[in-house]
Amino acid sequence: MPICDMHLMCDIIDDRVHVVDLVMDIKVAQNGRMVLPRSVREALGMENGGIVVLSVEGDEVKLSSIRQSIQRAQQLYRQYVTNDLPVEEFIQARRADAAREDQG
């Protein structure tokens, strides 16, 4: 990772610089356990604990809270949705499609 200045780390992705807010070493025990420091839990909005989503992307591991993962999925859905049906109507339409397929 290139160093942007003495206090900031950054990634260069798609010719844009993305500043990384927090970089630290965390010890992983032989059994795979690790402790997330308070600053990391606060950054994830998990001061009182919770569940994290761990993803491996290439040679990197990323952690996010369930809330952040759901928000990211909702943003992706909105970006690619091809209709403006409310969720209930969408589900009804898919069930009707499936019933037609089963009959035909």
N, C-alpha and C. Protein backbone atom coordinates (compact mmCIF):
# COMPACT_ATOMS: atom_id res chain seq x y z
N MET A 1 0.85 -1.18 0.00
CA MET A 1 0.00 0.00 0.00
C MET A 1 0.89 1.24 0.00
N PRO A 2 0.70 2.16 -0.93
CA PRO A 2 1.53 3.36 -0.93
C PRO A 2 1.23 4.26 0.27
N ILE A 3 2.21 5.02 0.67
CA ILE A 3 2.01 5.96 1.78
C ILE A 3 1.69 7.32 1.18
N CYS A 4 0.55 7.91 1.62
CA CYS A 4 0.15 9.22 1.10
C CYS A 4 0.82 10.34 1.87
N ASP A 5 0.92 10.17 3.16
CA ASP A 5 1.71 11.10 3.97
C ASP A 5 2.06 10.36 5.26
N MET A 6 2.69 11.01 6.17
CA MET A 6 3.19 10.33 7.35
C MET A 6 2.09 9.72 8.21
N HIS A 7 0.85 10.23 8.11
CA HIS A 7 -0.21 9.78 9.00
C HIS A 7 -1.32 9.02 8.30
N LEU A 8 -1.36 9.04 6.99
CA LEU A 8 -2.45 8.42 6.26
C LEU A 8 -1.93 7.32 5.36
N MET A 9 -2.70 6.24 5.29
CA MET A 9 -2.42 5.19 4.31
C MET A 9 -3.48 5.32 3.24
N CYS A 10 -3.16 4.87 2.03
CA CYS A 10 -4.14 4.98 0.97
C CYS A 10 -4.02 3.82 0.00
N ASP A 11 -5.08 3.57 -0.73
CA ASP A 11 -5.10 2.63 -1.84
C ASP A 11 -5.35 3.44 -3.09
N ILE A 12 -4.79 3.00 -4.19
CA ILE A 12 -5.13 3.61 -5.46
C ILE A 12 -5.97 2.60 -6.22
N ILE A 13 -7.23 2.90 -6.40
CA ILE A 13 -8.18 2.02 -7.06
C ILE A 13 -8.82 2.80 -8.20
N ASP A 14 -8.80 2.22 -9.39
CA ASP A 14 -9.41 2.87 -10.55
C ASP A 14 -8.89 4.30 -10.72
N ASP A 15 -7.59 4.50 -10.55
CA ASP A 15 -6.94 5.80 -10.71
C ASP A 15 -7.44 6.85 -9.71
N ARG A 16 -8.10 6.42 -8.64
CA ARG A 16 -8.52 7.34 -7.60
C ARG A 16 -7.86 6.93 -6.30
N VAL A 17 -7.56 7.90 -5.47
CA VAL A 17 -6.94 7.62 -4.17
C VAL A 17 -8.04 7.48 -3.13
N HIS A 18 -8.01 6.37 -2.41
CA HIS A 18 -8.95 6.12 -1.32
C HIS A 18 -8.17 6.11 -0.02
N VAL A 19 -8.49 7.03 0.88
CA VAL A 19 -7.79 7.11 2.15
C VAL A 19 -8.35 6.05 3.09
N VAL A 20 -7.45 5.32 3.72
CA VAL A 20 -7.82 4.31 4.70
C VAL A 20 -7.76 4.98 6.07
N ASP A 21 -8.88 4.95 6.80
CA ASP A 21 -8.96 5.66 8.07
C ASP A 21 -8.14 5.02 9.19
N LEU A 22 -8.04 3.71 9.17
CA LEU A 22 -7.46 3.02 10.31
C LEU A 22 -6.69 1.81 9.84
N VAL A 23 -5.41 1.73 10.19
CA VAL A 23 -4.57 0.59 9.85
C VAL A 23 -3.87 0.15 11.12
N MET A 24 -3.93 -1.14 11.43
CA MET A 24 -3.26 -1.64 12.64
C MET A 24 -2.98 -3.12 12.50
N ASP A 25 -2.06 -3.60 13.28
CA ASP A 25 -1.77 -5.02 13.36
C ASP A 25 -2.61 -5.62 14.48
N ILE A 26 -3.20 -6.78 14.23
CA ILE A 26 -3.99 -7.49 15.24
C ILE A 26 -3.48 -8.91 15.30
N LYS A 27 -3.19 -9.38 16.49
CA LYS A 27 -2.68 -10.73 16.67
C LYS A 27 -3.83 -11.73 16.53
N VAL A 28 -3.58 -12.78 15.77
CA VAL A 28 -4.53 -13.87 15.63
C VAL A 28 -3.95 -15.06 16.39
N ALA A 29 -4.73 -15.58 17.36
CA ALA A 29 -4.27 -16.72 18.15
C ALA A 29 -4.22 -17.98 17.30
N GLN A 30 -3.56 -18.99 17.82
CA GLN A 30 -3.41 -20.25 17.09
C GLN A 30 -4.77 -20.87 16.75
N ASN A 31 -5.76 -20.65 17.60
CA ASN A 31 -7.10 -21.19 17.34
C ASN A 31 -7.94 -20.28 16.44
N GLY A 32 -7.34 -19.20 15.93
CA GLY A 32 -8.03 -18.30 15.00
C GLY A 32 -8.73 -17.12 15.65
N ARG A 33 -8.74 -17.06 16.96
CA ARG A 33 -9.42 -15.95 17.64
C ARG A 33 -8.58 -14.68 17.58
N MET A 34 -9.30 -13.56 17.55
CA MET A 34 -8.64 -12.26 17.62
C MET A 34 -9.57 -11.31 18.35
N VAL A 35 -9.00 -10.26 18.87
CA VAL A 35 -9.77 -9.24 19.57
C VAL A 35 -9.81 -8.00 18.70
N LEU A 36 -11.03 -7.50 18.45
CA LEU A 36 -11.16 -6.25 17.70
C LEU A 36 -11.00 -5.10 18.69
N PRO A 37 -10.03 -4.24 18.48
CA PRO A 37 -9.84 -3.11 19.38
C PRO A 37 -11.07 -2.20 19.41
N ARG A 38 -11.21 -1.47 20.47
CA ARG A 38 -12.35 -0.56 20.65
C ARG A 38 -12.52 0.37 19.46
N SER A 39 -11.42 0.92 18.96
CA SER A 39 -11.50 1.87 17.84
C SER A 39 -12.11 1.21 16.60
N VAL A 40 -11.83 -0.07 16.37
CA VAL A 40 -12.41 -0.79 15.23
C VAL A 40 -13.90 -1.02 15.47
N ARG A 41 -14.25 -1.45 16.67
CA ARG A 41 -15.67 -1.68 17.00
C ARG A 41 -16.46 -0.38 16.86
N GLU A 42 -15.87 0.73 17.29
CA GLU A 42 -16.54 2.02 17.15
C GLU A 42 -16.71 2.40 15.68
N ALA A 43 -15.67 2.15 14.88
CA ALA A 43 -15.74 2.47 13.45
C ALA A 43 -16.83 1.66 12.76
N LEU A 44 -17.07 0.43 13.25
CA LEU A 44 -18.11 -0.43 12.69
C LEU A 44 -19.48 -0.18 13.31
N GLY A 45 -19.55 0.72 14.31
CA GLY A 45 -20.81 0.98 14.99
C GLY A 45 -21.22 -0.18 15.89
N MET A 46 -20.24 -0.86 16.45
CA MET A 46 -20.50 -2.06 17.26
C MET A 46 -19.92 -1.92 18.66
N GLU A 47 -20.14 -0.78 19.29
CA GLU A 47 -19.57 -0.55 20.61
C GLU A 47 -20.03 -1.59 21.62
N ASN A 48 -21.23 -2.12 21.46
CA ASN A 48 -21.79 -3.10 22.39
C ASN A 48 -21.71 -4.52 21.85
N GLY A 49 -20.84 -4.76 20.90
CA GLY A 49 -20.70 -6.09 20.33
C GLY A 49 -21.63 -6.29 19.15
N GLY A 50 -21.60 -7.49 18.60
CA GLY A 50 -22.46 -7.80 17.47
C GLY A 50 -21.80 -8.81 16.56
N ILE A 51 -22.31 -8.91 15.36
CA ILE A 51 -21.80 -9.85 14.37
C ILE A 51 -21.15 -9.08 13.24
N VAL A 52 -20.00 -9.57 12.80
CA VAL A 52 -19.32 -8.95 11.66
C VAL A 52 -19.42 -9.88 10.46
N VAL A 53 -19.36 -9.27 9.28
CA VAL A 53 -19.28 -10.02 8.03
C VAL A 53 -17.83 -9.95 7.59
N LEU A 54 -17.22 -11.10 7.39
CA LEU A 54 -15.83 -11.17 6.97
C LEU A 54 -15.83 -11.59 5.51
N SER A 55 -15.13 -10.84 4.68
CA SER A 55 -15.02 -11.21 3.27
C SER A 55 -13.55 -11.21 2.87
N VAL A 56 -13.19 -12.17 2.04
CA VAL A 56 -11.84 -12.25 1.52
C VAL A 56 -11.91 -11.81 0.07
N GLU A 57 -11.19 -10.76 -0.25
CA GLU A 57 -11.16 -10.21 -1.60
C GLU A 57 -9.72 -10.23 -2.08
N GLY A 58 -9.41 -11.22 -2.91
CA GLY A 58 -8.02 -11.38 -3.34
C GLY A 58 -7.18 -11.79 -2.16
N ASP A 59 -6.19 -10.98 -1.85
CA ASP A 59 -5.32 -11.29 -0.71
C ASP A 59 -5.61 -10.39 0.49
N GLU A 60 -6.82 -9.81 0.54
CA GLU A 60 -7.20 -8.93 1.65
C GLU A 60 -8.44 -9.47 2.36
N VAL A 61 -8.50 -9.21 3.65
CA VAL A 61 -9.66 -9.55 4.47
C VAL A 61 -10.33 -8.26 4.87
N LYS A 62 -11.66 -8.19 4.70
CA LYS A 62 -12.40 -7.00 5.09
C LYS A 62 -13.48 -7.38 6.08
N LEU A 63 -13.68 -6.53 7.07
CA LEU A 63 -14.73 -6.72 8.07
C LEU A 63 -15.74 -5.60 7.94
N SER A 64 -17.00 -5.94 8.05
CA SER A 64 -18.05 -4.92 8.11
C SER A 64 -19.14 -5.42 9.03
N SER A 65 -19.92 -4.51 9.55
CA SER A 65 -21.03 -4.91 10.41
C SER A 65 -22.17 -5.42 9.53
N ILE A 66 -23.08 -6.15 10.14
CA ILE A 66 -24.27 -6.62 9.42
C ILE A 66 -25.01 -5.41 8.84
N ARG A 67 -25.16 -4.37 9.64
CA ARG A 67 -25.87 -3.16 9.20
C ARG A 67 -25.23 -2.58 7.94
N GLN A 68 -23.90 -2.47 7.95
CA GLN A 68 -23.20 -1.94 6.79
C GLN A 68 -23.37 -2.85 5.57
N SER A 69 -23.33 -4.14 5.78
CA SER A 69 -23.49 -5.09 4.67
C SER A 69 -24.89 -5.00 4.08
N ILE A 70 -25.90 -4.86 4.91
CA ILE A 70 -27.27 -4.73 4.42
C ILE A 70 -27.42 -3.43 3.64
N GLN A 71 -26.87 -2.34 4.17
CA GLN A 71 -26.95 -1.06 3.45
C GLN A 71 -26.26 -1.15 2.10
N ARG A 72 -25.11 -1.82 2.03
CA ARG A 72 -24.39 -1.98 0.77
C ARG A 72 -25.22 -2.81 -0.22
N ALA A 73 -25.86 -3.87 0.27
CA ALA A 73 -26.71 -4.71 -0.60
C ALA A 73 -27.91 -3.91 -1.10
N GLN A 74 -28.50 -3.10 -0.23
CA GLN A 74 -29.64 -2.27 -0.65
C GLN A 74 -29.22 -1.26 -1.71
N GLN A 75 -28.04 -0.67 -1.56
CA GLN A 75 -27.55 0.28 -2.57
C GLN A 75 -27.33 -0.41 -3.91
N LEU A 76 -26.75 -1.60 -3.87
CA LEU A 76 -26.55 -2.35 -5.12
C LEU A 76 -27.88 -2.70 -5.76
N TYR A 77 -28.84 -3.11 -4.94
CA TYR A 77 -30.17 -3.45 -5.46
C TYR A 77 -30.78 -2.22 -6.16
N ARG A 78 -30.74 -1.07 -5.49
CA ARG A 78 -31.31 0.15 -6.07
C ARG A 78 -30.61 0.52 -7.38
N GLN A 79 -29.32 0.26 -7.44
CA GLN A 79 -28.54 0.60 -8.64
C GLN A 79 -28.96 -0.26 -9.84
N TYR A 80 -29.32 -1.51 -9.59
CA TYR A 80 -29.58 -2.43 -10.69
C TYR A 80 -31.04 -2.83 -10.86
N VAL A 81 -31.93 -2.35 -9.99
CA VAL A 81 -33.33 -2.74 -10.08
C VAL A 81 -33.90 -2.27 -11.42
N THR A 82 -34.71 -3.13 -12.03
CA THR A 82 -35.26 -2.80 -13.35
C THR A 82 -36.74 -2.47 -13.29
N ASN A 83 -37.33 -2.49 -12.11
CA ASN A 83 -38.74 -2.12 -11.98
C ASN A 83 -38.93 -1.33 -10.69
N ASP A 84 -40.07 -0.71 -10.59
CA ASP A 84 -40.35 0.10 -9.42
C ASP A 84 -41.42 -0.53 -8.54
N LEU A 85 -41.59 -1.86 -8.62
CA LEU A 85 -42.60 -2.54 -7.81
C LEU A 85 -42.20 -2.53 -6.34
N PRO A 86 -43.18 -2.32 -5.46
CA PRO A 86 -42.90 -2.53 -4.05
C PRO A 86 -42.52 -4.01 -3.83
N VAL A 87 -41.79 -4.29 -2.78
CA VAL A 87 -41.28 -5.63 -2.53
C VAL A 87 -42.40 -6.67 -2.55
N GLU A 88 -43.53 -6.37 -1.89
CA GLU A 88 -44.61 -7.34 -1.81
C GLU A 88 -45.15 -7.68 -3.21
N GLU A 89 -45.31 -6.67 -4.04
CA GLU A 89 -45.80 -6.91 -5.40
C GLU A 89 -44.77 -7.68 -6.22
N PHE A 90 -43.51 -7.38 -6.02
CA PHE A 90 -42.44 -8.09 -6.72
C PHE A 90 -42.48 -9.58 -6.37
N ILE A 91 -42.61 -9.88 -5.08
CA ILE A 91 -42.66 -11.28 -4.63
C ILE A 91 -43.90 -11.97 -5.20
N GLN A 92 -45.04 -11.30 -5.18
CA GLN A 92 -46.25 -11.89 -5.76
C GLN A 92 -46.05 -12.18 -7.24
N ALA A 93 -45.44 -11.27 -7.96
CA ALA A 93 -45.20 -11.47 -9.40
C ALA A 93 -44.26 -12.65 -9.63
N ARG A 94 -43.21 -12.79 -8.82
CA ARG A 94 -42.30 -13.92 -8.97
C ARG A 94 -43.00 -15.23 -8.65
N ARG A 95 -43.87 -15.23 -7.63
CA ARG A 95 -44.62 -16.45 -7.29
C ARG A 95 -45.57 -16.82 -8.42
N ALA A 96 -46.20 -15.84 -9.02
CA ALA A 96 -47.09 -16.11 -10.16
C ALA A 96 -46.30 -16.68 -11.33
N ASP A 97 -45.11 -16.13 -11.59
CA ASP A 97 -44.24 -16.66 -12.65
C ASP A 97 -43.87 -18.12 -12.37
N ALA A 98 -43.51 -18.40 -11.12
CA ALA A 98 -43.12 -19.77 -10.76
C ALA A 98 -44.29 -20.72 -10.90
N ALA A 99 -45.51 -20.30 -10.52
CA ALA A 99 -46.69 -21.14 -10.64
C ALA A 99 -46.97 -21.46 -12.12
N ARG A 100 -46.83 -20.46 -12.99
CA ARG A 100 -47.02 -20.67 -14.43
C ARG A 100 -46.01 -21.67 -14.98
N GLU A 101 -44.75 -21.56 -14.50
CA GLU A 101 -43.72 -22.49 -14.95
C GLU A 101 -44.03 -23.91 -14.51
N ASP A 102 -44.55 -24.05 -13.26
CA ASP A 102 -44.89 -25.38 -12.74
C ASP A 102 -46.03 -26.00 -13.55
N GLN A 103 -46.96 -25.19 -14.02
CA GLN A 103 -48.12 -25.69 -14.77
C GLN A 103 -47.74 -26.01 -16.21
N GLY A 104 -46.81 -25.29 -16.74
CA GLY A 104 -46.53 -25.38 -18.17
C GLY A 104 -45.45 -26.28 -18.55
